[in-house]
Each structure stands twice: as C-alpha cells, then as structure tokens.
Amino acid sequence: YLNVSEVIVGHDMRLSGPAIFDAVTRGI
C-alpha cells in the first residue's frame, strides 16, 4: 500500500507479541 523500502517495527509486552512481531516482519 505504501510502496516503501524500509519499515520500523516495535512491539509491546503482550504474550503473543513475539509471534505476531516475527510474522509481520517476515511479511515486510
């Protein structure tokens, strides 16, 4: 959608955070 070459990704403390963080970064 944004047609970008770099994306910053952070996460909060939720127990599902590492799994969701890993999945979204793989997609990016």
mmCIF file of all heavy atoms, coordinates in Angstrom:
data_MODEL
# 
_entry.id   MODEL 
# 
loop_
_atom_site.group_PDB 
_atom_site.id 
_atom_site.type_symbol 
_atom_site.label_atom_id 
_atom_site.label_alt_id 
_atom_site.label_comp_id 
_atom_site.label_asym_id 
_atom_site.label_entity_id 
_atom_site.label_seq_id 
_atom_site.pdbx_PDB_ins_code 
_atom_site.Cartn_x 
_atom_site.Cartn_y 
_atom_site.Cartn_z 
_atom_site.occupancy 
_atom_site.B_iso_or_equiv 
_atom_site.pdbx_formal_charge 
_atom_site.auth_seq_id 
_atom_site.auth_comp_id 
_atom_site.auth_asym_id 
_atom_site.auth_atom_id 
_atom_site.pdbx_PDB_model_num 
ATOM 1   N N   . TYR A 1 1  ? 0.820  -1.206  0.000  1.00 0.00 ? 1  TYR A N   1 
ATOM 2   C CA  . TYR A 1 1  ? 0.000  0.000   0.000  1.00 0.00 ? 1  TYR A CA  1 
ATOM 3   C C   . TYR A 1 1  ? 0.856  1.259   0.000  1.00 0.00 ? 1  TYR A C   1 
ATOM 4   O O   . TYR A 1 1  ? 0.592  2.206   -0.755 1.00 0.00 ? 1  TYR A O   1 
ATOM 5   C CB  . TYR A 1 1  ? -0.932 -0.011  1.207  1.00 0.00 ? 1  TYR A CB  1 
ATOM 6   C CG  . TYR A 1 1  ? -1.726 1.257   1.367  1.00 0.00 ? 1  TYR A CG  1 
ATOM 7   C CD1 . TYR A 1 1  ? -2.698 1.613   0.434  1.00 0.00 ? 1  TYR A CD1 1 
ATOM 8   C CD2 . TYR A 1 1  ? -1.498 2.110   2.439  1.00 0.00 ? 1  TYR A CD2 1 
ATOM 9   C CE1 . TYR A 1 1  ? -3.415 2.794   0.569  1.00 0.00 ? 1  TYR A CE1 1 
ATOM 10  C CE2 . TYR A 1 1  ? -2.211 3.287   2.584  1.00 0.00 ? 1  TYR A CE2 1 
ATOM 11  C CZ  . TYR A 1 1  ? -3.170 3.624   1.643  1.00 0.00 ? 1  TYR A CZ  1 
ATOM 12  O OH  . TYR A 1 1  ? -3.873 4.795   1.773  1.00 0.00 ? 1  TYR A OH  1 
ATOM 13  N N   . LEU A 1 2  ? 1.901  1.290   0.825  1.00 0.00 ? 2  LEU A N   1 
ATOM 14  C CA  . LEU A 1 2  ? 2.726  2.493   0.931  1.00 0.00 ? 2  LEU A CA  1 
ATOM 15  C C   . LEU A 1 2  ? 3.866  2.527   -0.081 1.00 0.00 ? 2  LEU A C   1 
ATOM 16  O O   . LEU A 1 2  ? 4.488  3.576   -0.271 1.00 0.00 ? 2  LEU A O   1 
ATOM 17  C CB  . LEU A 1 2  ? 3.294  2.628   2.351  1.00 0.00 ? 2  LEU A CB  1 
ATOM 18  C CG  . LEU A 1 2  ? 2.278  2.926   3.458  1.00 0.00 ? 2  LEU A CG  1 
ATOM 19  C CD1 . LEU A 1 2  ? 2.985  3.081   4.803  1.00 0.00 ? 2  LEU A CD1 1 
ATOM 20  C CD2 . LEU A 1 2  ? 1.472  4.182   3.157  1.00 0.00 ? 2  LEU A CD2 1 
ATOM 21  N N   . ASN A 1 3  ? 4.167  1.381   -0.672 1.00 0.00 ? 3  ASN A N   1 
ATOM 22  C CA  . ASN A 1 3  ? 5.265  1.284   -1.642 1.00 0.00 ? 3  ASN A CA  1 
ATOM 23  C C   . ASN A 1 3  ? 6.559  1.834   -1.041 1.00 0.00 ? 3  ASN A C   1 
ATOM 24  O O   . ASN A 1 3  ? 7.175  2.775   -1.557 1.00 0.00 ? 3  ASN A O   1 
ATOM 25  C CB  . ASN A 1 3  ? 4.911  2.033   -2.928 1.00 0.00 ? 3  ASN A CB  1 
ATOM 26  C CG  . ASN A 1 3  ? 5.934  1.790   -4.041 1.00 0.00 ? 3  ASN A CG  1 
ATOM 27  O OD1 . ASN A 1 3  ? 6.608  0.757   -4.065 1.00 0.00 ? 3  ASN A OD1 1 
ATOM 28  N ND2 . ASN A 1 3  ? 6.074  2.751   -4.943 1.00 0.00 ? 3  ASN A ND2 1 
ATOM 29  N N   . VAL A 1 4  ? 6.963  1.241   0.088  1.00 0.00 ? 4  VAL A N   1 
ATOM 30  C CA  . VAL A 1 4  ? 8.119  1.722   0.840  1.00 0.00 ? 4  VAL A CA  1 
ATOM 31  C C   . VAL A 1 4  ? 9.223  0.663   0.855  1.00 0.00 ? 4  VAL A C   1 
ATOM 32  O O   . VAL A 1 4  ? 8.979  -0.517  0.620  1.00 0.00 ? 4  VAL A O   1 
ATOM 33  C CB  . VAL A 1 4  ? 7.735  2.091   2.284  1.00 0.00 ? 4  VAL A CB  1 
ATOM 34  C CG1 . VAL A 1 4  ? 6.847  3.318   2.279  1.00 0.00 ? 4  VAL A CG1 1 
ATOM 35  C CG2 . VAL A 1 4  ? 7.049  0.934   2.988  1.00 0.00 ? 4  VAL A CG2 1 
ATOM 36  N N   . SER A 1 5  ? 10.442 1.118   1.150  1.00 0.00 ? 5  SER A N   1 
ATOM 37  C CA  . SER A 1 5  ? 11.581 0.208   1.163  1.00 0.00 ? 5  SER A CA  1 
ATOM 38  C C   . SER A 1 5  ? 12.098 -0.084  2.564  1.00 0.00 ? 5  SER A C   1 
ATOM 39  O O   . SER A 1 5  ? 12.922 -0.983  2.741  1.00 0.00 ? 5  SER A O   1 
ATOM 40  C CB  . SER A 1 5  ? 12.728 0.782   0.315  1.00 0.00 ? 5  SER A CB  1 
ATOM 41  O OG  . SER A 1 5  ? 13.122 2.052   0.809  1.00 0.00 ? 5  SER A OG  1 
ATOM 42  N N   . GLU A 1 6  ? 11.638 0.694   3.579  1.00 0.00 ? 6  GLU A N   1 
ATOM 43  C CA  . GLU A 1 6  ? 12.052 0.468   4.962  1.00 0.00 ? 6  GLU A CA  1 
ATOM 44  C C   . GLU A 1 6  ? 10.858 0.674   5.888  1.00 0.00 ? 6  GLU A C   1 
ATOM 45  O O   . GLU A 1 6  ? 10.060 1.585   5.674  1.00 0.00 ? 6  GLU A O   1 
ATOM 46  C CB  . GLU A 1 6  ? 13.166 1.437   5.378  1.00 0.00 ? 6  GLU A CB  1 
ATOM 47  C CG  . GLU A 1 6  ? 14.511 1.184   4.747  1.00 0.00 ? 6  GLU A CG  1 
ATOM 48  C CD  . GLU A 1 6  ? 15.553 2.170   5.273  1.00 0.00 ? 6  GLU A CD  1 
ATOM 49  O OE1 . GLU A 1 6  ? 15.410 3.373   4.985  1.00 0.00 ? 6  GLU A OE1 1 
ATOM 50  O OE2 . GLU A 1 6  ? 16.489 1.738   5.975  1.00 0.00 ? 6  GLU A OE2 1 
ATOM 51  N N   . VAL A 1 7  ? 10.770 -0.167  6.917  1.00 0.00 ? 7  VAL A N   1 
ATOM 52  C CA  . VAL A 1 7  ? 9.665  -0.079  7.868  1.00 0.00 ? 7  VAL A CA  1 
ATOM 53  C C   . VAL A 1 7  ? 10.212 -0.292  9.281  1.00 0.00 ? 7  VAL A C   1 
ATOM 54  O O   . VAL A 1 7  ? 10.937 -1.254  9.534  1.00 0.00 ? 7  VAL A O   1 
ATOM 55  C CB  . VAL A 1 7  ? 8.571  -1.137  7.581  1.00 0.00 ? 7  VAL A CB  1 
ATOM 56  C CG1 . VAL A 1 7  ? 7.448  -1.027  8.615  1.00 0.00 ? 7  VAL A CG1 1 
ATOM 57  C CG2 . VAL A 1 7  ? 8.026  -0.990  6.169  1.00 0.00 ? 7  VAL A CG2 1 
ATOM 58  N N   . ILE A 1 8  ? 9.869  0.615   10.194 1.00 0.00 ? 8  ILE A N   1 
ATOM 59  C CA  . ILE A 1 8  ? 10.206 0.456   11.608 1.00 0.00 ? 8  ILE A CA  1 
ATOM 60  C C   . ILE A 1 8  ? 9.149  -0.432  12.267 1.00 0.00 ? 8  ILE A C   1 
ATOM 61  O O   . ILE A 1 8  ? 7.950  -0.259  12.032 1.00 0.00 ? 8  ILE A O   1 
ATOM 62  C CB  . ILE A 1 8  ? 10.242 1.822   12.304 1.00 0.00 ? 8  ILE A CB  1 
ATOM 63  C CG1 . ILE A 1 8  ? 11.402 2.660   11.762 1.00 0.00 ? 8  ILE A CG1 1 
ATOM 64  C CG2 . ILE A 1 8  ? 10.346 1.683   13.816 1.00 0.00 ? 8  ILE A CG2 1 
ATOM 65  C CD1 . ILE A 1 8  ? 11.360 4.109   12.197 1.00 0.00 ? 8  ILE A CD1 1 
ATOM 66  N N   . VAL A 1 9  ? 9.588  -1.387  13.089 1.00 0.00 ? 9  VAL A N   1 
ATOM 67  C CA  . VAL A 1 9  ? 8.647  -2.261  13.780 1.00 0.00 ? 9  VAL A CA  1 
ATOM 68  C C   . VAL A 1 9  ? 9.032  -2.376  15.260 1.00 0.00 ? 9  VAL A C   1 
ATOM 69  O O   . VAL A 1 9  ? 10.188 -2.692  15.575 1.00 0.00 ? 9  VAL A O   1 
ATOM 70  C CB  . VAL A 1 9  ? 8.573  -3.667  13.160 1.00 0.00 ? 9  VAL A CB  1 
ATOM 71  C CG1 . VAL A 1 9  ? 7.434  -4.469  13.808 1.00 0.00 ? 9  VAL A CG1 1 
ATOM 72  C CG2 . VAL A 1 9  ? 8.367  -3.603  11.654 1.00 0.00 ? 9  VAL A CG2 1 
ATOM 73  N N   . GLY A 1 10 ? 8.086  -2.104  16.133 1.00 0.00 ? 10 GLY A N   1 
ATOM 74  C CA  . GLY A 1 10 ? 8.258  -2.300  17.572 1.00 0.00 ? 10 GLY A CA  1 
ATOM 75  C C   . GLY A 1 10 ? 7.095  -3.110  18.108 1.00 0.00 ? 10 GLY A C   1 
ATOM 76  O O   . GLY A 1 10 ? 6.125  -3.396  17.399 1.00 0.00 ? 10 GLY A O   1 
ATOM 77  N N   . HIS A 1 11 ? 7.163  -3.495  19.380 1.00 0.00 ? 11 HIS A N   1 
ATOM 78  C CA  . HIS A 1 11 ? 6.070  -4.281  19.966 1.00 0.00 ? 11 HIS A CA  1 
ATOM 79  C C   . HIS A 1 11 ? 5.947  -3.989  21.457 1.00 0.00 ? 11 HIS A C   1 
ATOM 80  O O   . HIS A 1 11 ? 6.891  -3.517  22.102 1.00 0.00 ? 11 HIS A O   1 
ATOM 81  C CB  . HIS A 1 11 ? 6.280  -5.777  19.729 1.00 0.00 ? 11 HIS A CB  1 
ATOM 82  C CG  . HIS A 1 11 ? 7.502  -6.346  20.403 1.00 0.00 ? 11 HIS A CG  1 
ATOM 83  N ND1 . HIS A 1 11 ? 7.477  -6.863  21.674 1.00 0.00 ? 11 HIS A ND1 1 
ATOM 84  C CD2 . HIS A 1 11 ? 8.780  -6.480  19.964 1.00 0.00 ? 11 HIS A CD2 1 
ATOM 85  C CE1 . HIS A 1 11 ? 8.694  -7.294  21.996 1.00 0.00 ? 11 HIS A CE1 1 
ATOM 86  N NE2 . HIS A 1 11 ? 9.501  -7.070  20.983 1.00 0.00 ? 11 HIS A NE2 1 
ATOM 87  N N   . ASP A 1 12 ? 4.741  -4.268  21.994 1.00 0.00 ? 12 ASP A N   1 
ATOM 88  C CA  . ASP A 1 12 ? 4.538  -4.108  23.434 1.00 0.00 ? 12 ASP A CA  1 
ATOM 89  C C   . ASP A 1 12 ? 4.792  -5.438  24.145 1.00 0.00 ? 12 ASP A C   1 
ATOM 90  O O   . ASP A 1 12 ? 5.440  -6.336  23.581 1.00 0.00 ? 12 ASP A O   1 
ATOM 91  C CB  . ASP A 1 12 ? 3.150  -3.518  23.724 1.00 0.00 ? 12 ASP A CB  1 
ATOM 92  C CG  . ASP A 1 12 ? 1.993  -4.474  23.442 1.00 0.00 ? 12 ASP A CG  1 
ATOM 93  O OD1 . ASP A 1 12 ? 2.216  -5.680  23.238 1.00 0.00 ? 12 ASP A OD1 1 
ATOM 94  O OD2 . ASP A 1 12 ? 0.831  -3.996  23.437 1.00 0.00 ? 12 ASP A OD2 1 
ATOM 95  N N   . MET A 1 13 ? 4.290  -5.576  25.362 1.00 0.00 ? 13 MET A N   1 
ATOM 96  C CA  . MET A 1 13 ? 4.687  -6.687  26.227 1.00 0.00 ? 13 MET A CA  1 
ATOM 97  C C   . MET A 1 13 ? 3.761  -7.897  26.141 1.00 0.00 ? 13 MET A C   1 
ATOM 98  O O   . MET A 1 13 ? 3.943  -8.872  26.893 1.00 0.00 ? 13 MET A O   1 
ATOM 99  C CB  . MET A 1 13 ? 4.752  -6.215  27.672 1.00 0.00 ? 13 MET A CB  1 
ATOM 100 C CG  . MET A 1 13 ? 3.405  -6.021  28.353 1.00 0.00 ? 13 MET A CG  1 
ATOM 101 S SD  . MET A 1 13 ? 2.347  -4.790  27.551 1.00 0.00 ? 13 MET A SD  1 
ATOM 102 C CE  . MET A 1 13 ? 0.738  -5.337  28.074 1.00 0.00 ? 13 MET A CE  1 
ATOM 103 N N   . ARG A 1 14 ? 2.788  -7.892  25.246 1.00 0.00 ? 14 ARG A N   1 
ATOM 104 C CA  . ARG A 1 14 ? 1.806  -8.971  25.208 1.00 0.00 ? 14 ARG A CA  1 
ATOM 105 C C   . ARG A 1 14 ? 2.459  -10.322 24.920 1.00 0.00 ? 14 ARG A C   1 
ATOM 106 O O   . ARG A 1 14 ? 3.446  -10.405 24.183 1.00 0.00 ? 14 ARG A O   1 
ATOM 107 C CB  . ARG A 1 14 ? 0.736  -8.660  24.166 1.00 0.00 ? 14 ARG A CB  1 
ATOM 108 C CG  . ARG A 1 14 ? -0.109 -7.482  24.577 1.00 0.00 ? 14 ARG A CG  1 
ATOM 109 C CD  . ARG A 1 14 ? -1.057 -7.004  23.503 1.00 0.00 ? 14 ARG A CD  1 
ATOM 110 N NE  . ARG A 1 14 ? -1.699 -5.789  23.977 1.00 0.00 ? 14 ARG A NE  1 
ATOM 111 C CZ  . ARG A 1 14 ? -2.811 -5.781  24.713 1.00 0.00 ? 14 ARG A CZ  1 
ATOM 112 N NH1 . ARG A 1 14 ? -3.415 -6.926  24.996 1.00 0.00 ? 14 ARG A NH1 1 
ATOM 113 N NH2 . ARG A 1 14 ? -3.311 -4.639  25.144 1.00 0.00 ? 14 ARG A NH2 1 
ATOM 114 N N   . LEU A 1 15 ? 1.876  -11.376 25.486 1.00 0.00 ? 15 LEU A N   1 
ATOM 115 C CA  . LEU A 1 15 ? 2.468  -12.704 25.332 1.00 0.00 ? 15 LEU A CA  1 
ATOM 116 C C   . LEU A 1 15 ? 2.486  -13.149 23.873 1.00 0.00 ? 15 LEU A C   1 
ATOM 117 O O   . LEU A 1 15 ? 3.361  -13.911 23.466 1.00 0.00 ? 15 LEU A O   1 
ATOM 118 C CB  . LEU A 1 15 ? 1.696  -13.717 26.192 1.00 0.00 ? 15 LEU A CB  1 
ATOM 119 C CG  . LEU A 1 15 ? 1.720  -13.461 27.708 1.00 0.00 ? 15 LEU A CG  1 
ATOM 120 C CD1 . LEU A 1 15 ? 0.917  -14.529 28.444 1.00 0.00 ? 15 LEU A CD1 1 
ATOM 121 C CD2 . LEU A 1 15 ? 3.150  -13.399 28.233 1.00 0.00 ? 15 LEU A CD2 1 
ATOM 122 N N   . SER A 1 16 ? 1.527  -12.687 23.086 1.00 0.00 ? 16 SER A N   1 
ATOM 123 C CA  . SER A 1 16 ? 1.510  -13.021 21.664 1.00 0.00 ? 16 SER A CA  1 
ATOM 124 C C   . SER A 1 16 ? 2.408  -12.111 20.844 1.00 0.00 ? 16 SER A C   1 
ATOM 125 O O   . SER A 1 16 ? 2.571  -12.317 19.628 1.00 0.00 ? 16 SER A O   1 
ATOM 126 C CB  . SER A 1 16 ? 0.081  -12.948 21.113 1.00 0.00 ? 16 SER A CB  1 
ATOM 127 O OG  . SER A 1 16 ? -0.441 -11.630 21.263 1.00 0.00 ? 16 SER A OG  1 
ATOM 128 N N   . GLY A 1 17 ? 3.022  -11.114 21.487 1.00 0.00 ? 17 GLY A N   1 
ATOM 129 C CA  . GLY A 1 17 ? 3.834  -10.129 20.769 1.00 0.00 ? 17 GLY A CA  1 
ATOM 130 C C   . GLY A 1 17 ? 4.958  -10.717 19.947 1.00 0.00 ? 17 GLY A C   1 
ATOM 131 O O   . GLY A 1 17 ? 5.100  -10.389 18.758 1.00 0.00 ? 17 GLY A O   1 
ATOM 132 N N   . PRO A 1 18 ? 5.796  -11.598 20.522 1.00 0.00 ? 18 PRO A N   1 
ATOM 133 C CA  . PRO A 1 18 ? 6.907  -12.148 19.720 1.00 0.00 ? 18 PRO A CA  1 
ATOM 134 C C   . PRO A 1 18 ? 6.438  -12.879 18.465 1.00 0.00 ? 18 PRO A C   1 
ATOM 135 O O   . PRO A 1 18 ? 7.050  -12.743 17.396 1.00 0.00 ? 18 PRO A O   1 
ATOM 136 C CB  . PRO A 1 18 ? 7.596  -13.094 20.708 1.00 0.00 ? 18 PRO A CB  1 
ATOM 137 C CG  . PRO A 1 18 ? 7.309  -12.505 22.048 1.00 0.00 ? 18 PRO A CG  1 
ATOM 138 C CD  . PRO A 1 18 ? 5.909  -11.967 21.943 1.00 0.00 ? 18 PRO A CD  1 
ATOM 139 N N   . ALA A 1 19 ? 5.350  -13.651 18.568 1.00 0.00 ? 19 ALA A N   1 
ATOM 140 C CA  . ALA A 1 19 ? 4.853  -14.391 17.405 1.00 0.00 ? 19 ALA A CA  1 
ATOM 141 C C   . ALA A 1 19 ? 4.300  -13.455 16.343 1.00 0.00 ? 19 ALA A C   1 
ATOM 142 O O   . ALA A 1 19 ? 4.582  -13.614 15.136 1.00 0.00 ? 19 ALA A O   1 
ATOM 143 C CB  . ALA A 1 19 ? 3.782  -15.391 17.836 1.00 0.00 ? 19 ALA A CB  1 
ATOM 144 N N   . ILE A 1 20 ? 3.514  -12.468 16.757 1.00 0.00 ? 20 ILE A N   1 
ATOM 145 C CA  . ILE A 1 20 ? 2.949  -11.511 15.805 1.00 0.00 ? 20 ILE A CA  1 
ATOM 146 C C   . ILE A 1 20 ? 4.055  -10.639 15.211 1.00 0.00 ? 20 ILE A C   1 
ATOM 147 O O   . ILE A 1 20 ? 4.070  -10.355 14.000 1.00 0.00 ? 20 ILE A O   1 
ATOM 148 C CB  . ILE A 1 20 ? 1.871  -10.648 16.478 1.00 0.00 ? 20 ILE A CB  1 
ATOM 149 C CG1 . ILE A 1 20 ? 0.676  -11.514 16.912 1.00 0.00 ? 20 ILE A CG1 1 
ATOM 150 C CG2 . ILE A 1 20 ? 1.411  -9.530  15.559 1.00 0.00 ? 20 ILE A CG2 1 
ATOM 151 C CD1 . ILE A 1 20 ? -0.067 -12.149 15.759 1.00 0.00 ? 20 ILE A CD1 1 
ATOM 152 N N   . PHE A 1 21 ? 5.010  -10.229 16.042 1.00 0.00 ? 21 PHE A N   1 
ATOM 153 C CA  . PHE A 1 21 ? 6.149  -9.429  15.575 1.00 0.00 ? 21 PHE A CA  1 
ATOM 154 C C   . PHE A 1 21 ? 6.940  -10.197 14.523 1.00 0.00 ? 21 PHE A C   1 
ATOM 155 O O   . PHE A 1 21 ? 7.281  -9.644  13.462 1.00 0.00 ? 21 PHE A O   1 
ATOM 156 C CB  . PHE A 1 21 ? 7.035  -9.079  16.773 1.00 0.00 ? 21 PHE A CB  1 
ATOM 157 C CG  . PHE A 1 21 ? 8.268  -8.294  16.431 1.00 0.00 ? 21 PHE A CG  1 
ATOM 158 C CD1 . PHE A 1 21 ? 8.228  -6.916  16.306 1.00 0.00 ? 21 PHE A CD1 1 
ATOM 159 C CD2 . PHE A 1 21 ? 9.486  -8.936  16.229 1.00 0.00 ? 21 PHE A CD2 1 
ATOM 160 C CE1 . PHE A 1 21 ? 9.369  -6.189  15.997 1.00 0.00 ? 21 PHE A CE1 1 
ATOM 161 C CE2 . PHE A 1 21 ? 10.621 -8.224  15.921 1.00 0.00 ? 21 PHE A CE2 1 
ATOM 162 C CZ  . PHE A 1 21 ? 10.568 -6.842  15.801 1.00 0.00 ? 21 PHE A CZ  1 
ATOM 163 N N   . ASP A 1 22 ? 7.235  -11.462 14.800 1.00 0.00 ? 22 ASP A N   1 
ATOM 164 C CA  . ASP A 1 22 ? 8.000  -12.269 13.837 1.00 0.00 ? 22 ASP A CA  1 
ATOM 165 C C   . ASP A 1 22 ? 7.241  -12.423 12.529 1.00 0.00 ? 22 ASP A C   1 
ATOM 166 O O   . ASP A 1 22 ? 7.825  -12.311 11.443 1.00 0.00 ? 22 ASP A O   1 
ATOM 167 C CB  . ASP A 1 22 ? 8.296  -13.641 14.446 1.00 0.00 ? 22 ASP A CB  1 
ATOM 168 C CG  . ASP A 1 22 ? 9.061  -14.539 13.480 1.00 0.00 ? 22 ASP A CG  1 
ATOM 169 O OD1 . ASP A 1 22 ? 10.233 -14.228 13.189 1.00 0.00 ? 22 ASP A OD1 1 
ATOM 170 O OD2 . ASP A 1 22 ? 8.486  -15.541 13.014 1.00 0.00 ? 22 ASP A OD2 1 
ATOM 171 N N   . ALA A 1 23 ? 5.936  -12.652 12.606 1.00 0.00 ? 23 ALA A N   1 
ATOM 172 C CA  . ALA A 1 23 ? 5.145  -12.870 11.393 1.00 0.00 ? 23 ALA A CA  1 
ATOM 173 C C   . ALA A 1 23 ? 5.048  -11.607 10.547 1.00 0.00 ? 23 ALA A C   1 
ATOM 174 O O   . ALA A 1 23 ? 5.217  -11.657 9.319  1.00 0.00 ? 23 ALA A O   1 
ATOM 175 C CB  . ALA A 1 23 ? 3.748  -13.360 11.768 1.00 0.00 ? 23 ALA A CB  1 
ATOM 176 N N   . VAL A 1 24 ? 4.787  -10.458 11.185 1.00 0.00 ? 24 VAL A N   1 
ATOM 177 C CA  . VAL A 1 24 ? 4.631  -9.237  10.398 1.00 0.00 ? 24 VAL A CA  1 
ATOM 178 C C   . VAL A 1 24 ? 5.964  -8.813  9.788  1.00 0.00 ? 24 VAL A C   1 
ATOM 179 O O   . VAL A 1 24 ? 6.006  -8.323  8.640  1.00 0.00 ? 24 VAL A O   1 
ATOM 180 C CB  . VAL A 1 24 ? 4.000  -8.109  11.238 1.00 0.00 ? 24 VAL A CB  1 
ATOM 181 C CG1 . VAL A 1 24 ? 4.981  -7.487  12.215 1.00 0.00 ? 24 VAL A CG1 1 
ATOM 182 C CG2 . VAL A 1 24 ? 3.416  -7.026  10.337 1.00 0.00 ? 24 VAL A CG2 1 
ATOM 183 N N   . THR A 1 25 ? 7.073  -9.022  10.499 1.00 0.00 ? 25 THR A N   1 
ATOM 184 C CA  . THR A 1 25 ? 8.369  -8.655  9.926  1.00 0.00 ? 25 THR A CA  1 
ATOM 185 C C   . THR A 1 25 ? 8.728  -9.566  8.756  1.00 0.00 ? 25 THR A C   1 
ATOM 186 O O   . THR A 1 25 ? 9.327  -9.107  7.775  1.00 0.00 ? 25 THR A O   1 
ATOM 187 C CB  . THR A 1 25 ? 9.478  -8.681  10.994 1.00 0.00 ? 25 THR A CB  1 
ATOM 188 O OG1 . THR A 1 25 ? 9.502  -9.955  11.647 1.00 0.00 ? 25 THR A OG1 1 
ATOM 189 C CG2 . THR A 1 25 ? 9.258  -7.598  12.035 1.00 0.00 ? 25 THR A CG2 1 
ATOM 190 N N   . ARG A 1 26 ? 8.361  -10.838 8.849  1.00 0.00 ? 26 ARG A N   1 
ATOM 191 C CA  . ARG A 1 26 ? 8.589  -11.734 7.695  1.00 0.00 ? 26 ARG A CA  1 
ATOM 192 C C   . ARG A 1 26 ? 7.796  -11.271 6.488  1.00 0.00 ? 26 ARG A C   1 
ATOM 193 O O   . ARG A 1 26 ? 8.286  -11.307 5.343  1.00 0.00 ? 26 ARG A O   1 
ATOM 194 C CB  . ARG A 1 26 ? 8.228  -13.171 8.050  1.00 0.00 ? 26 ARG A CB  1 
ATOM 195 C CG  . ARG A 1 26 ? 9.251  -13.886 8.925  1.00 0.00 ? 26 ARG A CG  1 
ATOM 196 C CD  . ARG A 1 26 ? 8.978  -15.379 9.043  1.00 0.00 ? 26 ARG A CD  1 
ATOM 197 N NE  . ARG A 1 26 ? 7.768  -15.672 9.788  1.00 0.00 ? 26 ARG A NE  1 
ATOM 198 C CZ  . ARG A 1 26 ? 6.632  -16.082 9.258  1.00 0.00 ? 26 ARG A CZ  1 
ATOM 199 N NH1 . ARG A 1 26 ? 6.537  -16.234 7.936  1.00 0.00 ? 26 ARG A NH1 1 
ATOM 200 N NH2 . ARG A 1 26 ? 5.571  -16.337 10.012 1.00 0.00 ? 26 ARG A NH2 1 
ATOM 201 N N   . GLY A 1 27 ? 6.570  -10.821 6.729  1.00 0.00 ? 27 GLY A N   1 
ATOM 202 C CA  . GLY A 1 27 ? 5.759  -10.321 5.629  1.00 0.00 ? 27 GLY A CA  1 
ATOM 203 C C   . GLY A 1 27 ? 6.365  -9.082  4.983  1.00 0.00 ? 27 GLY A C   1 
ATOM 204 O O   . GLY A 1 27 ? 6.397  -8.955  3.751  1.00 0.00 ? 27 GLY A O   1 
ATOM 205 N N   . ILE A 1 28 ? 6.872  -8.181  5.811  1.00 0.00 ? 28 ILE A N   1 
ATOM 206 C CA  . ILE A 1 28 ? 7.508  -6.965  5.292  1.00 0.00 ? 28 ILE A CA  1 
ATOM 207 C C   . ILE A 1 28 ? 8.743  -7.317  4.467  1.00 0.00 ? 28 ILE A C   1 
ATOM 208 O O   . ILE A 1 28 ? 8.946  -6.793  3.356  1.00 0.00 ? 28 ILE A O   1 
ATOM 209 C CB  . ILE A 1 28 ? 7.879  -6.032  6.466  1.00 0.00 ? 28 ILE A CB  1 
ATOM 210 C CG1 . ILE A 1 28 ? 6.608  -5.492  7.141  1.00 0.00 ? 28 ILE A CG1 1 
ATOM 211 C CG2 . ILE A 1 28 ? 8.764  -4.874  5.998  1.00 0.00 ? 28 ILE A CG2 1 
ATOM 212 C CD1 . ILE A 1 28 ? 6.857  -4.831  8.484  1.00 0.00 ? 28 ILE A CD1 1 
# 
